[in-house]
PDB file of N, CA and C in Angstrom:
ATOM      1  N   LEU A   1       2.493   7.752  -7.944  1.00  0.00           N
ATOM      2  CA  LEU A   1       3.775   7.056  -7.842  1.00  0.00           C
ATOM      3  C   LEU A   1       3.669   5.641  -8.396  1.00  0.00           C
ATOM      4  N   GLY A   2       2.606   4.922  -8.002  1.00  0.00           N
ATOM      5  CA  GLY A   2       2.462   3.560  -8.481  1.00  0.00           C
ATOM      6  C   GLY A   2       1.217   2.892  -7.926  1.00  0.00           C
ATOM      7  N   THR A   3       0.940   1.675  -8.424  1.00  0.00           N
ATOM      8  CA  THR A   3      -0.194   0.902  -7.923  1.00  0.00           C
ATOM      9  C   THR A   3       0.266  -0.491  -7.520  1.00  0.00           C
ATOM     10  N   LEU A   4      -0.395  -1.022  -6.500  1.00  0.00           N
ATOM     11  CA  LEU A   4      -0.074  -2.348  -5.976  1.00  0.00           C
ATOM     12  C   LEU A   4      -1.367  -3.137  -5.886  1.00  0.00           C
ATOM     13  N   LYS A   5      -1.333  -4.381  -6.350  1.00  0.00           N
ATOM     14  CA  LYS A   5      -2.486  -5.263  -6.215  1.00  0.00           C
ATOM     15  C   LYS A   5      -2.293  -6.119  -4.971  1.00  0.00           C
ATOM     16  N   VAL A   6      -3.282  -6.121  -4.082  1.00  0.00           N
ATOM     17  CA  VAL A   6      -3.211  -6.900  -2.847  1.00  0.00           C
ATOM     18  C   VAL A   6      -3.437  -8.368  -3.190  1.00  0.00           C
ATOM     19  N   LEU A   7      -2.474  -9.228  -2.811  1.00  0.00           N
ATOM     20  CA  LEU A   7      -2.562 -10.658  -3.092  1.00  0.00           C
ATOM     21  C   LEU A   7      -3.027 -11.447  -1.868  1.00  0.00           C
ATOM     22  N   ARG A   8      -2.605 -11.000  -0.677  1.00  0.00           N
ATOM     23  CA  ARG A   8      -2.917 -11.783   0.528  1.00  0.00           C
ATOM     24  C   ARG A   8      -2.866 -10.898   1.764  1.00  0.00           C
ATOM     25  N   ILE A   9      -3.773 -11.171   2.697  1.00  0.00           N
ATOM     26  CA  ILE A   9      -3.776 -10.481   3.986  1.00  0.00           C
ATOM     27  C   ILE A   9      -3.170 -11.444   5.004  1.00  0.00           C
ATOM     28  N   PHE A  10      -2.149 -10.988   5.734  1.00  0.00           N
ATOM     29  CA  PHE A  10      -1.498 -11.850   6.720  1.00  0.00           C
ATOM     30  C   PHE A  10      -2.046 -11.630   8.120  1.00  0.00           C
ATOM     31  N   SER A  11      -2.262 -10.389   8.500  1.00  0.00           N
ATOM     32  CA  SER A  11      -2.831 -10.131   9.830  1.00  0.00           C
ATOM     33  C   SER A  11      -3.487  -8.759   9.864  1.00  0.00           C
ATOM     34  N   THR A  12      -4.449  -8.643  10.757  1.00  0.00           N
ATOM     35  CA  THR A  12      -5.155  -7.380  10.954  1.00  0.00           C
ATOM     36  C   THR A  12      -5.189  -7.119  12.444  1.00  0.00           C
ATOM     37  N   GLN A  13      -4.807  -5.913  12.853  1.00  0.00           N
ATOM     38  CA  GLN A  13      -4.844  -5.541  14.253  1.00  0.00           C
ATOM     39  C   GLN A  13      -5.222  -4.071  14.351  1.00  0.00           C
ATOM     40  N   LYS A  14      -6.316  -3.796  14.998  1.00  0.00           N
ATOM     41  CA  LYS A  14      -6.856  -2.440  15.143  1.00  0.00           C
ATOM     42  C   LYS A  14      -6.819  -1.693  13.817  1.00  0.00           C
ATOM     43  N   ASP A  15      -5.974  -0.680  13.671  1.00  0.00           N
ATOM     44  CA  ASP A  15      -5.933   0.102  12.433  1.00  0.00           C
ATOM     45  C   ASP A  15      -4.762  -0.268  11.527  1.00  0.00           C
ATOM     46  N   LYS A  16      -4.135  -1.433  11.763  1.00  0.00           N
ATOM     47  CA  LYS A  16      -2.973  -1.839  10.971  1.00  0.00           C
ATOM     48  C   LYS A  16      -3.239  -3.170  10.278  1.00  0.00           C
ATOM     49  N   VAL A  17      -2.813  -3.259   9.016  1.00  0.00           N
ATOM     50  CA  VAL A  17      -2.986  -4.476   8.232  1.00  0.00           C
ATOM     51  C   VAL A  17      -1.635  -4.860   7.635  1.00  0.00           C
ATOM     52  N   VAL A  18      -1.247  -6.125   7.796  1.00  0.00           N
ATOM     53  CA  VAL A  18      -0.027  -6.643   7.173  1.00  0.00           C
ATOM     54  C   VAL A  18      -0.483  -7.450   5.957  1.00  0.00           C
ATOM     55  N   LEU A  19       0.043  -7.084   4.780  1.00  0.00           N
ATOM     56  CA  LEU A  19      -0.415  -7.730   3.563  1.00  0.00           C
ATOM     57  C   LEU A  19       0.723  -7.934   2.584  1.00  0.00           C
ATOM     58  N   GLY A  20       0.461  -8.784   1.601  1.00  0.00           N
ATOM     59  CA  GLY A  20       1.418  -9.023   0.528  1.00  0.00           C
ATOM     60  C   GLY A  20       0.793  -8.588  -0.778  1.00  0.00           C
ATOM     61  N   GLY A  21       1.628  -8.062  -1.677  1.00  0.00           N
ATOM     62  CA  GLY A  21       1.102  -7.613  -2.953  1.00  0.00           C
ATOM     63  C   GLY A  21       2.162  -7.525  -4.025  1.00  0.00           C
ATOM     64  N   ARG A  22       1.710  -7.210  -5.243  1.00  0.00           N
ATOM     65  CA  ARG A  22       2.622  -7.063  -6.379  1.00  0.00           C
ATOM     66  C   ARG A  22       2.475  -5.653  -6.930  1.00  0.00           C
ATOM     67  N   VAL A  23       3.606  -5.008  -7.175  1.00  0.00           N
ATOM     68  CA  VAL A  23       3.598  -3.660  -7.747  1.00  0.00           C
ATOM     69  C   VAL A  23       3.282  -3.805  -9.240  1.00  0.00           C
ATOM     70  N   GLU A  24       2.122  -3.284  -9.652  1.00  0.00           N
ATOM     71  CA  GLU A  24       1.662  -3.420 -11.033  1.00  0.00           C
ATOM     72  C   GLU A  24       2.232  -2.321 -11.934  1.00  0.00           C
ATOM     73  N   VAL A  25       2.267  -1.092 -11.415  1.00  0.00           N
ATOM     74  CA  VAL A  25       2.713   0.058 -12.206  1.00  0.00           C
ATOM     75  C   VAL A  25       3.580   0.953 -11.335  1.00  0.00           C
ATOM     76  N   GLY A  26       4.678   1.463 -11.887  1.00  0.00           N
ATOM     77  CA  GLY A  26       5.507   2.428 -11.167  1.00  0.00           C
ATOM     78  C   GLY A  26       6.257   1.824 -10.000  1.00  0.00           C
ATOM     79  N   LYS A  27       6.192   2.501  -8.855  1.00  0.00           N
ATOM     80  CA  LYS A  27       6.898   2.030  -7.660  1.00  0.00           C
ATOM     81  C   LYS A  27       6.081   2.373  -6.418  1.00  0.00           C
ATOM     82  N   ILE A  28       6.351   1.637  -5.354  1.00  0.00           N
ATOM     83  CA  ILE A  28       5.719   1.871  -4.059  1.00  0.00           C
ATOM     84  C   ILE A  28       6.830   2.262  -3.098  1.00  0.00           C
ATOM     85  N   GLU A  29       6.599   3.328  -2.341  1.00  0.00           N
ATOM     86  CA  GLU A  29       7.603   3.804  -1.390  1.00  0.00           C
ATOM     87  C   GLU A  29       7.056   3.760   0.027  1.00  0.00           C
ATOM     88  N   ASN A  30       7.984   3.576   0.971  1.00  0.00           N
ATOM     89  CA  ASN A  30       7.631   3.576   2.389  1.00  0.00           C
ATOM     90  C   ASN A  30       7.168   4.977   2.801  1.00  0.00           C
ATOM     91  N   ASN A  31       6.296   5.046   3.793  1.00  0.00           N
ATOM     92  CA  ASN A  31       5.771   6.312   4.333  1.00  0.00           C
ATOM     93  C   ASN A  31       5.002   7.146   3.316  1.00  0.00           C
ATOM     94  N   THR A  32       4.327   6.493   2.359  1.00  0.00           N
ATOM     95  CA  THR A  32       3.492   7.240   1.425  1.00  0.00           C
ATOM     96  C   THR A  32       2.020   6.969   1.714  1.00  0.00           C
ATOM     97  N   VAL A  33       1.193   7.901   1.308  1.00  0.00           N
ATOM     98  CA  VAL A  33      -0.253   7.757   1.442  1.00  0.00           C
ATOM     99  C   VAL A  33      -0.753   6.915   0.278  1.00  0.00           C
ATOM    100  N   VAL A  34      -1.697   5.998   0.555  1.00  0.00           N
ATOM    101  CA  VAL A  34      -2.277   5.170  -0.502  1.00  0.00           C
ATOM    102  C   VAL A  34      -3.786   5.312  -0.513  1.00  0.00           C
ATOM    103  N   LYS A  35      -4.355   5.303  -1.724  1.00  0.00           N
ATOM    104  CA  LYS A  35      -5.801   5.230  -1.890  1.00  0.00           C
ATOM    105  C   LYS A  35      -6.145   3.752  -1.936  1.00  0.00           C
ATOM    106  N   ILE A  36      -7.196   3.349  -1.230  1.00  0.00           N
ATOM    107  CA  ILE A  36      -7.655   1.960  -1.253  1.00  0.00           C
ATOM    108  C   ILE A  36      -8.806   1.896  -2.256  1.00  0.00           C
ATOM    109  N   VAL A  37      -8.589   1.161  -3.363  1.00  0.00           N
ATOM    110  CA  VAL A  37      -9.568   1.118  -4.449  1.00  0.00           C
ATOM    111  C   VAL A  37     -10.100  -0.303  -4.610  1.00  0.00           C
ATOM    112  N   ARG A  38     -11.435  -0.435  -4.627  1.00  0.00           N
ATOM    113  CA  ARG A  38     -12.070  -1.735  -4.838  1.00  0.00           C
ATOM    114  C   ARG A  38     -13.081  -1.595  -5.963  1.00  0.00           C
ATOM    115  N   ARG A  39     -12.900  -2.374  -7.023  1.00  0.00           N
ATOM    116  CA  ARG A  39     -13.770  -2.332  -8.203  1.00  0.00           C
ATOM    117  C   ARG A  39     -13.926  -0.915  -8.754  1.00  0.00           C
ATOM    118  N   GLY A  40     -12.829  -0.177  -8.813  1.00  0.00           N
ATOM    119  CA  GLY A  40     -12.834   1.148  -9.396  1.00  0.00           C
ATOM    120  C   GLY A  40     -13.330   2.272  -8.502  1.00  0.00           C
ATOM    121  N   VAL A  41     -13.687   1.949  -7.257  1.00  0.00           N
ATOM    122  CA  VAL A  41     -14.208   2.960  -6.335  1.00  0.00           C
ATOM    123  C   VAL A  41     -13.239   3.144  -5.171  1.00  0.00           C
ATOM    124  N   GLU A  42     -12.882   4.398  -4.876  1.00  0.00           N
ATOM    125  CA  GLU A  42     -11.998   4.670  -3.742  1.00  0.00           C
ATOM    126  C   GLU A  42     -12.773   4.521  -2.438  1.00  0.00           C
ATOM    127  N   LEU A  43     -12.295   3.622  -1.567  1.00  0.00           N
ATOM    128  CA  LEU A  43     -12.953   3.384  -0.277  1.00  0.00           C
ATOM    129  C   LEU A  43     -12.444   4.338   0.790  1.00  0.00           C
ATOM    130  N   GLY A  44     -11.179   4.697   0.688  1.00  0.00           N
ATOM    131  CA  GLY A  44     -10.568   5.554   1.689  1.00  0.00           C
ATOM    132  C   GLY A  44      -9.073   5.600   1.468  1.00  0.00           C
ATOM    133  N   ARG A  45      -8.379   6.094   2.479  1.00  0.00           N
ATOM    134  CA  ARG A  45      -6.920   6.216   2.373  1.00  0.00           C
ATOM    135  C   ARG A  45      -6.244   5.594   3.573  1.00  0.00           C
ATOM    136  N   GLY A  46      -4.976   5.289   3.382  1.00  0.00           N
ATOM    137  CA  GLY A  46      -4.160   4.747   4.451  1.00  0.00           C
ATOM    138  C   GLY A  46      -2.731   5.223   4.246  1.00  0.00           C
ATOM    139  N   LYS A  47      -1.833   4.730   5.087  1.00  0.00           N
ATOM    140  CA  LYS A  47      -0.422   5.098   4.962  1.00  0.00           C
ATOM    141  C   LYS A  47       0.440   3.859   5.131  1.00  0.00           C
ATOM    142  N   ILE A  48       1.424   3.720   4.241  1.00  0.00           N
ATOM    143  CA  ILE A  48       2.373   2.606   4.354  1.00  0.00           C
ATOM    144  C   ILE A  48       3.347   2.957   5.475  1.00  0.00           C
ATOM    145  N   ILE A  49       3.392   2.120   6.510  1.00  0.00           N
ATOM    146  CA  ILE A  49       4.296   2.404   7.623  1.00  0.00           C
ATOM    147  C   ILE A  49       5.477   1.437   7.687  1.00  0.00           C
ATOM    148  N   GLU A  50       5.408   0.367   6.882  1.00  0.00           N
ATOM    149  CA  GLU A  50       6.564  -0.539   6.772  1.00  0.00           C
ATOM    150  C   GLU A  50       6.494  -1.245   5.436  1.00  0.00           C
ATOM    151  N   LEU A  51       7.657  -1.436   4.804  1.00  0.00           N
ATOM    152  CA  LEU A  51       7.734  -2.042   3.483  1.00  0.00           C
ATOM    153  C   LEU A  51       8.889  -3.040   3.472  1.00  0.00           C
ATOM    154  N   GLN A  52       8.617  -4.254   2.956  1.00  0.00           N
ATOM    155  CA  GLN A  52       9.658  -5.287   2.897  1.00  0.00           C
ATOM    156  C   GLN A  52       9.676  -5.942   1.521  1.00  0.00           C
ATOM    157  N   SER A  53      10.884  -6.248   1.066  1.00  0.00           N
ATOM    158  CA  SER A  53      11.066  -7.014  -0.161  1.00  0.00           C
ATOM    159  C   SER A  53      12.040  -8.137   0.160  1.00  0.00           C
ATOM    160  N   GLN A  54      11.667  -9.365  -0.169  1.00  0.00           N
ATOM    161  CA  GLN A  54      12.490 -10.540   0.167  1.00  0.00           C
ATOM    162  C   GLN A  54      12.773 -10.605   1.678  1.00  0.00           C
ATOM    163  N   LYS A  55      11.806 -10.218   2.492  1.00  0.00           N
ATOM    164  CA  LYS A  55      11.881 -10.219   3.962  1.00  0.00           C
ATOM    165  C   LYS A  55      12.922  -9.247   4.521  1.00  0.00           C
ATOM    166  N   ILE A  56      13.341  -8.284   3.704  1.00  0.00           N
ATOM    167  CA  ILE A  56      14.299  -7.256   4.130  1.00  0.00           C
ATOM    168  C   ILE A  56      13.610  -5.904   4.039  1.00  0.00           C
ATOM    169  N   LYS A  57      13.713  -5.119   5.116  1.00  0.00           N
ATOM    170  CA  LYS A  57      13.097  -3.786   5.098  1.00  0.00           C
ATOM    171  C   LYS A  57      13.714  -2.947   3.992  1.00  0.00           C
ATOM    172  N   THR A  58      12.861  -2.205   3.281  1.00  0.00           N
ATOM    173  CA  THR A  58      13.327  -1.377   2.170  1.00  0.00           C
ATOM    174  C   THR A  58      12.489  -0.102   2.102  1.00  0.00           C
ATOM    175  N   ASP A  59      12.949   0.853   1.312  1.00  0.00           N
ATOM    176  CA  ASP A  59      12.217   2.109   1.150  1.00  0.00           C
ATOM    177  C   ASP A  59      11.423   2.148  -0.148  1.00  0.00           C
ATOM    178  N   VAL A  60      11.834   1.350  -1.153  1.00  0.00           N
ATOM    179  CA  VAL A  60      11.185   1.391  -2.464  1.00  0.00           C
ATOM    180  C   VAL A  60      11.077  -0.020  -3.041  1.00  0.00           C
ATOM    181  N   VAL A  61       9.921  -0.340  -3.660  1.00  0.00           N
ATOM    182  CA  VAL A  61       9.758  -1.582  -4.413  1.00  0.00           C
ATOM    183  C   VAL A  61       9.276  -1.184  -5.802  1.00  0.00           C
ATOM    184  N   ASN A  62       9.972  -1.659  -6.829  1.00  0.00           N
ATOM    185  CA  ASN A  62       9.677  -1.260  -8.205  1.00  0.00           C
ATOM    186  C   ASN A  62       8.689  -2.193  -8.895  1.00  0.00           C
ATOM    187  N   GLU A  63       8.175  -1.722 -10.022  1.00  0.00           N
ATOM    188  CA  GLU A  63       7.187  -2.425 -10.845  1.00  0.00           C
ATOM    189  C   GLU A  63       7.583  -3.871 -11.116  1.00  0.00           C
ATOM    190  N   GLY A  64       6.611  -4.785 -10.984  1.00  0.00           N
ATOM    191  CA  GLY A  64       6.831  -6.193 -11.282  1.00  0.00           C
ATOM    192  C   GLY A  64       7.287  -7.020 -10.095  1.00  0.00           C
ATOM    193  N   ASN A  65       7.633  -6.375  -8.984  1.00  0.00           N
ATOM    194  CA  ASN A  65       8.122  -7.095  -7.810  1.00  0.00           C
ATOM    195  C   ASN A  65       7.024  -7.256  -6.762  1.00  0.00           C
ATOM    196  N   GLU A  66       7.153  -8.334  -5.986  1.00  0.00           N
ATOM    197  CA  GLU A  66       6.229  -8.566  -4.882  1.00  0.00           C
ATOM    198  C   GLU A  66       6.851  -8.048  -3.599  1.00  0.00           C
ATOM    199  N   CYS A  67       5.989  -7.694  -2.645  1.00  0.00           N
ATOM    200  CA  CYS A  67       6.496  -7.153  -1.386  1.00  0.00           C
ATOM    201  C   CYS A  67       5.478  -7.395  -0.280  1.00  0.00           C
ATOM    202  N   GLY A  68       5.939  -7.174   0.930  1.00  0.00           N
ATOM    203  CA  GLY A  68       5.073  -7.211   2.094  1.00  0.00           C
ATOM    204  C   GLY A  68       5.034  -5.813   2.665  1.00  0.00           C
ATOM    205  N   LEU A  69       3.874  -5.419   3.182  1.00  0.00           N
ATOM    206  CA  LEU A  69       3.805  -4.084   3.743  1.00  0.00           C
ATOM    207  C   LEU A  69       2.807  -4.026   4.883  1.00  0.00           C
ATOM    208  N   MET A  70       3.016  -3.044   5.754  1.00  0.00           N
ATOM    209  CA  MET A  70       2.072  -2.769   6.821  1.00  0.00           C
ATOM    210  C   MET A  70       1.429  -1.430   6.493  1.00  0.00           C
ATOM    211  N   VAL A  71       0.096  -1.440   6.445  1.00  0.00           N
ATOM    212  CA  VAL A  71      -0.652  -0.238   6.111  1.00  0.00           C
ATOM    213  C   VAL A  71      -1.493   0.160   7.307  1.00  0.00           C
ATOM    214  N   GLU A  72      -1.431   1.424   7.657  1.00  0.00           N
ATOM    215  CA  GLU A  72      -2.249   1.974   8.733  1.00  0.00           C
ATOM    216  C   GLU A  72      -3.476   2.593   8.080  1.00  0.00           C
ATOM    217  N   SER A  73      -4.666   2.051   8.393  1.00  0.00           N
ATOM    218  CA  SER A  73      -5.889   2.534   7.767  1.00  0.00           C
ATOM    219  C   SER A  73      -7.098   2.173   8.608  1.00  0.00           C
ATOM    220  N   LYS A  74      -8.112   3.001   8.552  1.00  0.00           N
ATOM    221  CA  LYS A  74      -9.360   2.718   9.250  1.00  0.00           C
ATOM    222  C   LYS A  74     -10.317   1.920   8.362  1.00  0.00           C
ATOM    223  N   PHE A  75      -9.894   1.630   7.118  1.00  0.00           N
ATOM    224  CA  PHE A  75     -10.735   0.928   6.161  1.00  0.00           C
ATOM    225  C   PHE A  75     -10.258  -0.499   5.960  1.00  0.00           C
ATOM    226  N   GLU A  76     -11.197  -1.417   5.748  1.00  0.00           N
ATOM    227  CA  GLU A  76     -10.861  -2.820   5.527  1.00  0.00           C
ATOM    228  C   GLU A  76     -10.200  -2.994   4.161  1.00  0.00           C
ATOM    229  N   ILE A  77      -9.142  -3.780   4.124  1.00  0.00           N
ATOM    230  CA  ILE A  77      -8.449  -4.090   2.873  1.00  0.00           C
ATOM    231  C   ILE A  77      -8.577  -5.596   2.652  1.00  0.00           C
ATOM    232  N   ILE A  78      -8.952  -5.997   1.436  1.00  0.00           N
ATOM    233  CA  ILE A  78      -9.118  -7.418   1.124  1.00  0.00           C
ATOM    234  C   ILE A  78      -8.282  -7.761  -0.118  1.00  0.00           C
ATOM    235  N   PRO A  79      -8.002  -9.074  -0.336  1.00  0.00           N
ATOM    236  CA  PRO A  79      -7.273  -9.468  -1.537  1.00  0.00           C
ATOM    237  C   PRO A  79      -7.996  -8.972  -2.792  1.00  0.00           C
ATOM    238  N   SER A  80      -7.241  -8.590  -3.784  1.00  0.00           N
ATOM    239  CA  SER A  80      -7.666  -8.037  -5.076  1.00  0.00           C
ATOM    240  C   SER A  80      -7.943  -6.533  -5.034  1.00  0.00           C
ATOM    241  N   ASP A  81      -7.894  -5.909  -3.850  1.00  0.00           N
ATOM    242  CA  ASP A  81      -7.962  -4.446  -3.785  1.00  0.00           C
ATOM    243  C   ASP A  81      -6.713  -3.871  -4.435  1.00  0.00           C
ATOM    244  N   ILE A  82      -6.804  -2.642  -4.887  1.00  0.00           N
ATOM    245  CA  ILE A  82      -5.666  -1.934  -5.476  1.00  0.00           C
ATOM    246  C   ILE A  82      -5.282  -0.795  -4.535  1.00  0.00           C
ATOM    247  N   LEU A  83      -3.991  -0.687  -4.236  1.00  0.00           N
ATOM    248  CA  LEU A  83      -3.493   0.433  -3.446  1.00  0.00           C
ATOM    249  C   LEU A  83      -2.749   1.357  -4.401  1.00  0.00           C
ATOM    250  N   GLU A  84      -3.214   2.587  -4.511  1.00  0.00           N
ATOM    251  CA  GLU A  84      -2.570   3.581  -5.369  1.00  0.00           C
ATOM    252  C   GLU A  84      -1.773   4.535  -4.505  1.00  0.00           C
ATOM    253  N   ALA A  85      -0.456   4.518  -4.662  1.00  0.00           N
ATOM    254  CA  ALA A  85       0.403   5.423  -3.898  1.00  0.00           C
ATOM    255  C   ALA A  85       0.296   6.815  -4.497  1.00  0.00           C
ATOM    256  N   VAL A  86       0.027   7.794  -3.638  1.00  0.00           N
ATOM    257  CA  VAL A  86      -0.117   9.168  -4.115  1.00  0.00           C
ATOM    258  C   VAL A  86       0.830  10.076  -3.355  1.00  0.00           C
ATOM    259  N   LEU A  87       1.239  11.137  -4.031  1.00  0.00           N
ATOM    260  CA  LEU A  87       2.100  12.138  -3.425  1.00  0.00           C
ATOM    261  C   LEU A  87       1.198  13.233  -2.885  1.00  0.00           C
ATOM    262  N   VAL A  88       1.263  13.470  -1.583  1.00  0.00           N
ATOM    263  CA  VAL A  88       0.434  14.500  -0.969  1.00  0.00           C
ATOM    264  C   VAL A  88       1.310  15.707  -0.695  1.00  0.00           C
ATOM    265  N   GLU A  89       0.938  16.824  -1.303  1.00  0.00           N
ATOM    266  CA  GLU A  89       1.700  18.052  -1.096  1.00  0.00           C
ATOM    267  C   GLU A  89       0.913  18.977  -0.187  1.00  0.00           C
ATOM    268  N   LYS A  90       1.614  19.554   0.775  1.00  0.00           N
ATOM    269  CA  LYS A  90       0.982  20.494   1.675  1.00  0.00           C
ATOM    270  C   LYS A  90       1.269  21.900   1.178  1.00  0.00           C
ATOM    271  N   LEU A  91       0.215  22.682   1.098  1.00  0.00           N
ATOM    272  CA  LEU A  91       0.391  24.076   0.672  1.00  0.00           C
ATOM    273  C   LEU A  91       0.831  24.923   1.842  1.00  0.00           C
ATOM    274  N   ARG A  92       1.819  25.758   1.598  1.00  0.00           N
ATOM    275  CA  ARG A  92       2.282  26.683   2.632  1.00  0.00           C
ATOM    276  C   ARG A  92       1.723  28.059   2.318  1.00  0.00           C
ATOM    277  N   ILE A  93       1.156  28.677   3.331  1.00  0.00           N
ATOM    278  CA  ILE A  93       0.554  29.997   3.127  1.00  0.00           C
ATOM    279  C   ILE A  93       1.396  31.055   3.818  1.00  0.00           C
TER     280      ILE A  93
END
């Protein structure tokens, strides 16, 4: 779906991180799974549980815009990390 570069970490609490970033490619959507990438290596995954643009809650932030988001993850996120939003499809049998 898109990639976001982490610019700043605002707060960390248990498994939730509030951070600011810029959408580099594509778009970032609320409630999507993200890969946490540092120096080209995937560290783990998380989920966007809240997304804000201009301090207003939103569902989508497009390429070139900055936003604030809350990510639920068991992995540490630091400035300059890349979050890659991915579409996870569940197979039905």
